[in-house]
C-alpha atoms as a PDB file:
ATOM      1  CA  MET A   1     127.154 -48.817  17.865  1.00  0.00           C
ATOM      2  CA  LEU A   2     130.241 -48.028  19.967  1.00  0.00           C
ATOM      3  CA  SER A   3     128.099 -46.480  22.717  1.00  0.00           C
ATOM      4  CA  PHE A   4     125.826 -49.543  22.682  1.00  0.00           C
ATOM      5  CA  LEU A   5     128.762 -51.963  22.971  1.00  0.00           C
ATOM      6  CA  THR A   6     130.335 -49.860  25.733  1.00  0.00           C
ATOM      7  CA  GLY A   7     127.061 -49.890  27.642  1.00  0.00           C
ATOM      8  CA  PHE A   8     126.693 -53.640  27.237  1.00  0.00           C
ATOM      9  CA  THR A   9     130.251 -54.441  28.353  1.00  0.00           C
ATOM     10  CA  VAL A  10     130.222 -52.017  31.300  1.00  0.00           C
ATOM     11  CA  GLY A  11     126.791 -53.240  32.387  1.00  0.00           C
ATOM     12  CA  LEU A  12     127.694 -56.907  32.130  1.00  0.00           C
ATOM     13  CA  SER A  13     131.049 -56.438  33.869  1.00  0.00           C
ATOM     14  CA  LEU A  14     129.370 -54.845  36.885  1.00  0.00           C
ATOM     15  CA  ILE A  15     126.141 -56.869  37.065  1.00  0.00           C
ATOM     16  CA  VAL A  16     127.811 -60.286  36.832  1.00  0.00           C
ATOM     17  CA  ALA A  17     130.112 -59.613  39.800  1.00  0.00           C
ATOM     18  CA  ILE A  18     129.667 -62.206  42.550  1.00  0.00           C
ATOM     19  CA  GLY A  19     127.331 -60.922  45.217  1.00  0.00           C
ATOM     20  CA  ALA A  20     124.396 -61.695  47.473  1.00  0.00           C
ATOM     21  CA  GLN A  21     121.869 -60.946  44.736  1.00  0.00           C
ATOM     22  CA  ASN A  22     123.364 -63.350  42.201  1.00  0.00           C
ATOM     23  CA  ILE A  23     123.761 -66.119  44.786  1.00  0.00           C
ATOM     24  CA  TRP A  24     120.147 -65.702  45.913  1.00  0.00           C
ATOM     25  CA  VAL A  25     118.832 -65.615  42.314  1.00  0.00           C
ATOM     26  CA  LEU A  26     120.760 -68.770  41.417  1.00  0.00           C
ATOM     27  CA  SER A  27     119.640 -70.605  44.564  1.00  0.00           C
ATOM     28  CA  GLN A  28     115.986 -69.770  44.002  1.00  0.00           C
ATOM     29  CA  SER A  29     116.197 -70.606  40.296  1.00  0.00           C
ATOM     30  CA  MET A  30     117.780 -73.975  41.032  1.00  0.00           C
ATOM     31  CA  ALA A  31     114.734 -74.797  43.166  1.00  0.00           C
ATOM     32  CA  GLY A  32     112.389 -73.616  40.396  1.00  0.00           C
ATOM     33  CA  ALA A  33     111.083 -70.863  42.677  1.00  0.00           C
ATOM     34  CA  ASN A  34     109.199 -68.279  40.562  1.00  0.00           C
ATOM     35  CA  ARG A  35     112.058 -67.808  38.115  1.00  0.00           C
ATOM     36  CA  LEU A  36     110.120 -65.453  35.814  1.00  0.00           C
ATOM     37  CA  VAL A  37     109.161 -63.191  38.742  1.00  0.00           C
ATOM     38  CA  ILE A  38     112.769 -63.050  39.963  1.00  0.00           C
ATOM     39  CA  ALA A  39     114.101 -62.213  36.499  1.00  0.00           C
ATOM     40  CA  LEU A  40     111.479 -59.493  35.923  1.00  0.00           C
ATOM     41  CA  VAL A  41     112.083 -57.795  39.282  1.00  0.00           C
ATOM     42  CA  CYS A  42     115.880 -57.783  38.865  1.00  0.00           C
ATOM     43  CA  ILE A  43     115.755 -56.572  35.251  1.00  0.00           C
ATOM     44  CA  LEU A  44     113.185 -53.834  35.947  1.00  0.00           C
ATOM     45  CA  CYS A  45     115.114 -52.563  38.987  1.00  0.00           C
ATOM     46  CA  ASP A  46     118.374 -52.455  37.032  1.00  0.00           C
ATOM     47  CA  THR A  47     116.693 -50.707  34.091  1.00  0.00           C
ATOM     48  CA  ALA A  48     115.140 -48.021  36.303  1.00  0.00           C
ATOM     49  CA  LEU A  49     118.431 -47.378  38.128  1.00  0.00           C
ATOM     50  CA  ILE A  50     120.530 -47.310  34.941  1.00  0.00           C
ATOM     51  CA  VAL A  51     118.155 -44.847  33.213  1.00  0.00           C
ATOM     52  CA  THR A  52     118.088 -42.703  36.362  1.00  0.00           C
ATOM     53  CA  GLY A  53     121.884 -42.746  36.554  1.00  0.00           C
ATOM     54  CA  VAL A  54     122.603 -41.810  32.945  1.00  0.00           C
ATOM     55  CA  TYR A  55     120.010 -39.054  32.667  1.00  0.00           C
ATOM     56  CA  SER A  56     120.482 -37.594  36.150  1.00  0.00           C
ATOM     57  CA  VAL A  57     124.176 -37.073  35.373  1.00  0.00           C
ATOM     58  CA  GLN A  58     123.125 -35.408  32.096  1.00  0.00           C
ATOM     59  CA  LEU A  59     120.906 -33.000  34.052  1.00  0.00           C
ATOM     60  CA  ILE A  60     123.794 -32.250  36.402  1.00  0.00           C
ATOM     61  CA  GLN A  61     125.876 -31.535  33.288  1.00  0.00           C
ATOM     62  CA  LEU A  62     123.316 -28.917  32.224  1.00  0.00           C
ATOM     63  CA  TRP A  63     122.798 -27.337  35.646  1.00  0.00           C
ATOM     64  CA  LEU A  64     126.253 -27.675  37.232  1.00  0.00           C
ATOM     65  CA  PRO A  65     128.880 -28.095  34.458  1.00  0.00           C
ATOM     66  CA  PRO A  66     131.891 -27.830  36.843  1.00  0.00           C
ATOM     67  CA  LEU A  67     130.694 -30.973  38.637  1.00  0.00           C
ATOM     68  CA  VAL A  68     130.957 -33.151  35.506  1.00  0.00           C
ATOM     69  CA  PRO A  69     134.796 -33.448  35.469  1.00  0.00           C
ATOM     70  CA  VAL A  70     134.666 -34.429  39.149  1.00  0.00           C
ATOM     71  CA  LEU A  71     132.112 -37.173  38.402  1.00  0.00           C
ATOM     72  CA  THR A  72     134.120 -38.292  35.368  1.00  0.00           C
ATOM     73  CA  TRP A  73     137.360 -38.681  37.329  1.00  0.00           C
ATOM     74  CA  ALA A  74     135.459 -40.352  40.167  1.00  0.00           C
ATOM     75  CA  GLY A  75     134.136 -42.799  37.582  1.00  0.00           C
ATOM     76  CA  VAL A  76     137.655 -43.418  36.257  1.00  0.00           C
ATOM     77  CA  ALA A  77     138.943 -44.037  39.788  1.00  0.00           C
ATOM     78  CA  MET A  78     136.073 -46.424  40.568  1.00  0.00           C
ATOM     79  CA  LEU A  79     136.557 -48.345  37.311  1.00  0.00           C
ATOM     80  CA  LEU A  80     140.266 -48.746  38.041  1.00  0.00           C
ATOM     81  CA  TRP A  81     139.530 -49.854  41.609  1.00  0.00           C
ATOM     82  CA  LEU A  82     137.040 -52.477  40.373  1.00  0.00           C
ATOM     83  CA  ALA A  83     139.524 -53.589  37.699  1.00  0.00           C
ATOM     84  CA  PHE A  84     142.201 -53.952  40.371  1.00  0.00           C
ATOM     85  CA  GLY A  85     139.829 -56.053  42.508  1.00  0.00           C
ATOM     86  CA  ALA A  86     138.963 -58.284  39.548  1.00  0.00           C
ATOM     87  CA  ALA A  87     142.668 -58.693  38.704  1.00  0.00           C
ATOM     88  CA  GLN A  88     143.408 -59.671  42.306  1.00  0.00           C
ATOM     89  CA  ARG A  89     140.619 -62.264  42.289  1.00  0.00           C
ATOM     90  CA  ALA A  90     141.915 -63.636  38.981  1.00  0.00           C
ATOM     91  CA  TRP A  91     145.474 -63.856  40.350  1.00  0.00           C
ATOM     92  CA  ARG A  92     144.491 -65.475  43.647  1.00  0.00           C
ATOM     93  CA  GLY A  93     141.699 -67.658  42.259  1.00  0.00           C
ATOM     94  CA  GLN A  94     139.205 -66.483  44.876  1.00  0.00           C
ATOM     95  CA  GLY A  95     136.141 -66.437  42.647  1.00  0.00           C
ATOM     96  CA  ALA A  96     133.330 -68.962  42.354  1.00  0.00           C
ATOM     97  CA  LEU A  97     129.578 -68.757  42.643  1.00  0.00           C
ATOM     98  CA  HIS A  98     128.154 -71.269  45.111  1.00  0.00           C
ATOM     99  CA  SER A  99     124.453 -71.536  45.850  1.00  0.00           C
ATOM    100  CA  SER A 100     122.728 -73.053  48.825  1.00  0.00           C
ATOM    101  CA  SER A 101     121.384 -76.534  48.205  1.00  0.00           C
ATOM    102  CA  VAL A 102     118.395 -76.022  50.556  1.00  0.00           C
ATOM    103  CA  VAL A 103     115.862 -73.447  49.360  1.00  0.00           C
ATOM    104  CA  GLN A 104     112.413 -72.737  50.760  1.00  0.00           C
ATOM    105  CA  VAL A 105     110.001 -72.103  47.883  1.00  0.00           C
ATOM    106  CA  GLN A 106     107.676 -69.152  48.606  1.00  0.00           C
ATOM    107  CA  SER A 107     104.651 -67.625  46.890  1.00  0.00           C
ATOM    108  CA  TRP A 108     105.390 -65.386  43.912  1.00  0.00           C
ATOM    109  CA  GLN A 109     104.382 -62.298  45.923  1.00  0.00           C
ATOM    110  CA  LYS A 110     106.874 -63.074  48.708  1.00  0.00           C
ATOM    111  CA  THR A 111     109.528 -63.929  46.134  1.00  0.00           C
ATOM    112  CA  ALA A 112     108.979 -60.579  44.384  1.00  0.00           C
ATOM    113  CA  LEU A 113     109.237 -58.662  47.679  1.00  0.00           C
ATOM    114  CA  THR A 114     112.400 -60.551  48.649  1.00  0.00           C
ATOM    115  CA  ALA A 115     113.930 -59.845  45.225  1.00  0.00           C
ATOM    116  CA  LEU A 116     113.088 -56.148  45.614  1.00  0.00           C
ATOM    117  CA  ALA A 117     114.635 -56.054  49.088  1.00  0.00           C
ATOM    118  CA  ILE A 118     117.832 -57.876  48.071  1.00  0.00           C
ATOM    119  CA  THR A 119     118.223 -55.598  45.049  1.00  0.00           C
ATOM    120  CA  LEU A 120     117.268 -52.179  46.424  1.00  0.00           C
ATOM    121  CA  LEU A 121     118.651 -52.507  49.969  1.00  0.00           C
ATOM    122  CA  ASN A 122     122.102 -53.314  48.595  1.00  0.00           C
ATOM    123  CA  PRO A 123     124.180 -50.088  48.544  1.00  0.00           C
ATOM    124  CA  HIS A 124     126.447 -51.480  45.818  1.00  0.00           C
ATOM    125  CA  VAL A 125     123.579 -51.518  43.328  1.00  0.00           C
ATOM    126  CA  TYR A 126     123.336 -47.704  43.491  1.00  0.00           C
ATOM    127  CA  LEU A 127     127.087 -47.270  43.226  1.00  0.00           C
ATOM    128  CA  ASP A 128     127.254 -49.574  40.192  1.00  0.00           C
ATOM    129  CA  THR A 129     124.146 -48.467  38.288  1.00  0.00           C
ATOM    130  CA  VAL A 130     123.400 -44.869  39.234  1.00  0.00           C
ATOM    131  CA  VAL A 131     126.901 -43.525  39.934  1.00  0.00           C
ATOM    132  CA  LEU A 132     129.285 -45.600  37.833  1.00  0.00           C
ATOM    133  CA  ILE A 133     127.161 -46.584  34.821  1.00  0.00           C
ATOM    134  CA  GLY A 134     125.527 -43.143  34.949  1.00  0.00           C
ATOM    135  CA  SER A 135     128.831 -41.245  34.864  1.00  0.00           C
ATOM    136  CA  VAL A 136     130.223 -43.381  32.023  1.00  0.00           C
ATOM    137  CA  GLY A 137     126.972 -43.192  30.054  1.00  0.00           C
ATOM    138  CA  SER A 138     126.631 -39.425  30.327  1.00  0.00           C
ATOM    139  CA  VAL A 139     129.873 -38.791  28.402  1.00  0.00           C
ATOM    140  CA  GLN A 140     129.085 -41.180  25.558  1.00  0.00           C
ATOM    141  CA  ALA A 141     128.425 -39.896  22.043  1.00  0.00           C
ATOM    142  CA  GLU A 142     125.028 -41.631  22.166  1.00  0.00           C
ATOM    143  CA  PRO A 143     123.841 -41.907  25.812  1.00  0.00           C
ATOM    144  CA  PHE A 144     120.539 -43.457  24.713  1.00  0.00           C
ATOM    145  CA  TRP A 145     122.246 -46.404  23.011  1.00  0.00           C
ATOM    146  CA  PHE A 146     124.658 -46.773  25.920  1.00  0.00           C
ATOM    147  CA  THR A 147     121.630 -47.060  28.212  1.00  0.00           C
ATOM    148  CA  VAL A 148     120.023 -49.630  25.906  1.00  0.00           C
ATOM    149  CA  GLY A 149     123.232 -51.680  25.919  1.00  0.00           C
ATOM    150  CA  ALA A 150     123.557 -51.586  29.723  1.00  0.00           C
ATOM    151  CA  CYS A 151     119.896 -52.559  30.187  1.00  0.00           C
ATOM    152  CA  LEU A 152     120.279 -55.370  27.644  1.00  0.00           C
ATOM    153  CA  ALA A 153     123.250 -56.691  29.646  1.00  0.00           C
ATOM    154  CA  SER A 154     121.008 -56.931  32.721  1.00  0.00           C
ATOM    155  CA  PHE A 155     118.296 -58.643  30.670  1.00  0.00           C
ATOM    156  CA  CYS A 156     120.742 -61.199  29.236  1.00  0.00           C
ATOM    157  CA  TRP A 157     122.384 -61.958  32.589  1.00  0.00           C
ATOM    158  CA  PHE A 158     119.254 -62.439  34.691  1.00  0.00           C
ATOM    159  CA  SER A 159     117.470 -64.315  31.891  1.00  0.00           C
ATOM    160  CA  ALA A 160     120.437 -66.689  31.658  1.00  0.00           C
ATOM    161  CA  LEU A 161     120.848 -66.981  35.437  1.00  0.00           C
ATOM    162  CA  THR A 162     117.193 -67.891  35.988  1.00  0.00           C
ATOM    163  CA  GLY A 163     116.535 -69.838  32.791  1.00  0.00           C
ATOM    164  CA  LEU A 164     119.735 -71.890  32.654  1.00  0.00           C
ATOM    165  CA  ALA A 165     120.272 -72.285  36.411  1.00  0.00           C
ATOM    166  CA  PRO A 166     121.069 -76.045  36.468  1.00  0.00           C
ATOM    167  CA  LYS A 167     123.828 -75.754  33.867  1.00  0.00           C
ATOM    168  CA  LEU A 168     125.084 -72.409  35.136  1.00  0.00           C
ATOM    169  CA  LYS A 169     125.498 -73.760  38.660  1.00  0.00           C
ATOM    170  CA  ILE A 170     128.089 -76.238  37.357  1.00  0.00           C
ATOM    171  CA  TRP A 171     129.773 -73.730  35.052  1.00  0.00           C
ATOM    172  CA  LEU A 172     129.938 -70.852  37.539  1.00  0.00           C
ATOM    173  CA  SER A 173     131.187 -73.006  40.416  1.00  0.00           C
ATOM    174  CA  SER A 174     134.518 -73.512  38.649  1.00  0.00           C
ATOM    175  CA  PRO A 175     137.268 -71.293  40.156  1.00  0.00           C
ATOM    176  CA  LEU A 176     139.286 -71.589  36.922  1.00  0.00           C
ATOM    177  CA  ARG A 177     136.438 -70.208  34.814  1.00  0.00           C
ATOM    178  CA  TRP A 178     135.925 -67.380  37.282  1.00  0.00           C
ATOM    179  CA  ARG A 179     139.655 -66.571  37.156  1.00  0.00           C
ATOM    180  CA  LEU A 180     139.404 -66.256  33.376  1.00  0.00           C
ATOM    181  CA  PHE A 181     136.233 -64.204  33.681  1.00  0.00           C
ATOM    182  CA  ASP A 182     137.722 -61.898  36.332  1.00  0.00           C
ATOM    183  CA  GLY A 183     140.818 -61.409  34.163  1.00  0.00           C
ATOM    184  CA  LEU A 184     138.615 -60.395  31.243  1.00  0.00           C
ATOM    185  CA  VAL A 185     136.604 -58.034  33.471  1.00  0.00           C
ATOM    186  CA  ALA A 186     139.829 -56.387  34.695  1.00  0.00           C
ATOM    187  CA  LEU A 187     140.961 -55.772  31.100  1.00  0.00           C
ATOM    188  CA  VAL A 188     137.573 -54.423  29.973  1.00  0.00           C
ATOM    189  CA  LEU A 189     137.163 -52.075  32.944  1.00  0.00           C
ATOM    190  CA  SER A 190     140.761 -50.807  32.590  1.00  0.00           C
ATOM    191  CA  GLY A 191     140.195 -50.107  28.899  1.00  0.00           C
ATOM    192  CA  ILE A 192     136.966 -48.219  29.571  1.00  0.00           C
ATOM    193  CA  ALA A 193     138.646 -46.200  32.354  1.00  0.00           C
ATOM    194  CA  LEU A 194     141.472 -45.247  29.967  1.00  0.00           C
ATOM    195  CA  LYS A 195     139.000 -44.250  27.254  1.00  0.00           C
ATOM    196  CA  LEU A 196     137.013 -42.186  29.764  1.00  0.00           C
ATOM    197  CA  ALA A 197     140.161 -40.466  31.036  1.00  0.00           C
ATOM    198  CA  LEU A 198     141.290 -39.545  27.533  1.00  0.00           C
END
């Protein structure tokens, strides 16, 4: 249960971060543009990358044991860096998710290809899912349940972002709410980094 909750909180903390993918998903969803296709592509990509991350680090642990402490401390450093960034955003009030009001609705095939491109051509997605989530997941007591939790976080976020887009646009555009959210993310990531270090 602890591994599952850790996976869910780490996954959600990283996936929900403001970025080009989330802005694009929200903009398309607001226009009613193939919301199911967008959600499926984003969730499936995240799931594949998270599974790859967790189990590739486990293979490295079997083949090259001395590399595991390096990956672990790199994960701790990255978690603390992300926590610091979230704390800065919370302090300065720089966060808010704004979507474009003008969206060109495309066919579901073009939407799927665009979603794939925005997801897989973003270098941060590999850092977050394969490297960071993978390194944290590999040292859990139950890596399988950690992976399930992280994948469920992606499912919940993109389902909510596409399905509840009209209400979320209002809620997520509030800088105050994002300050509170960023503060919570900073605390969660710091706690996980401390647990990983110990």
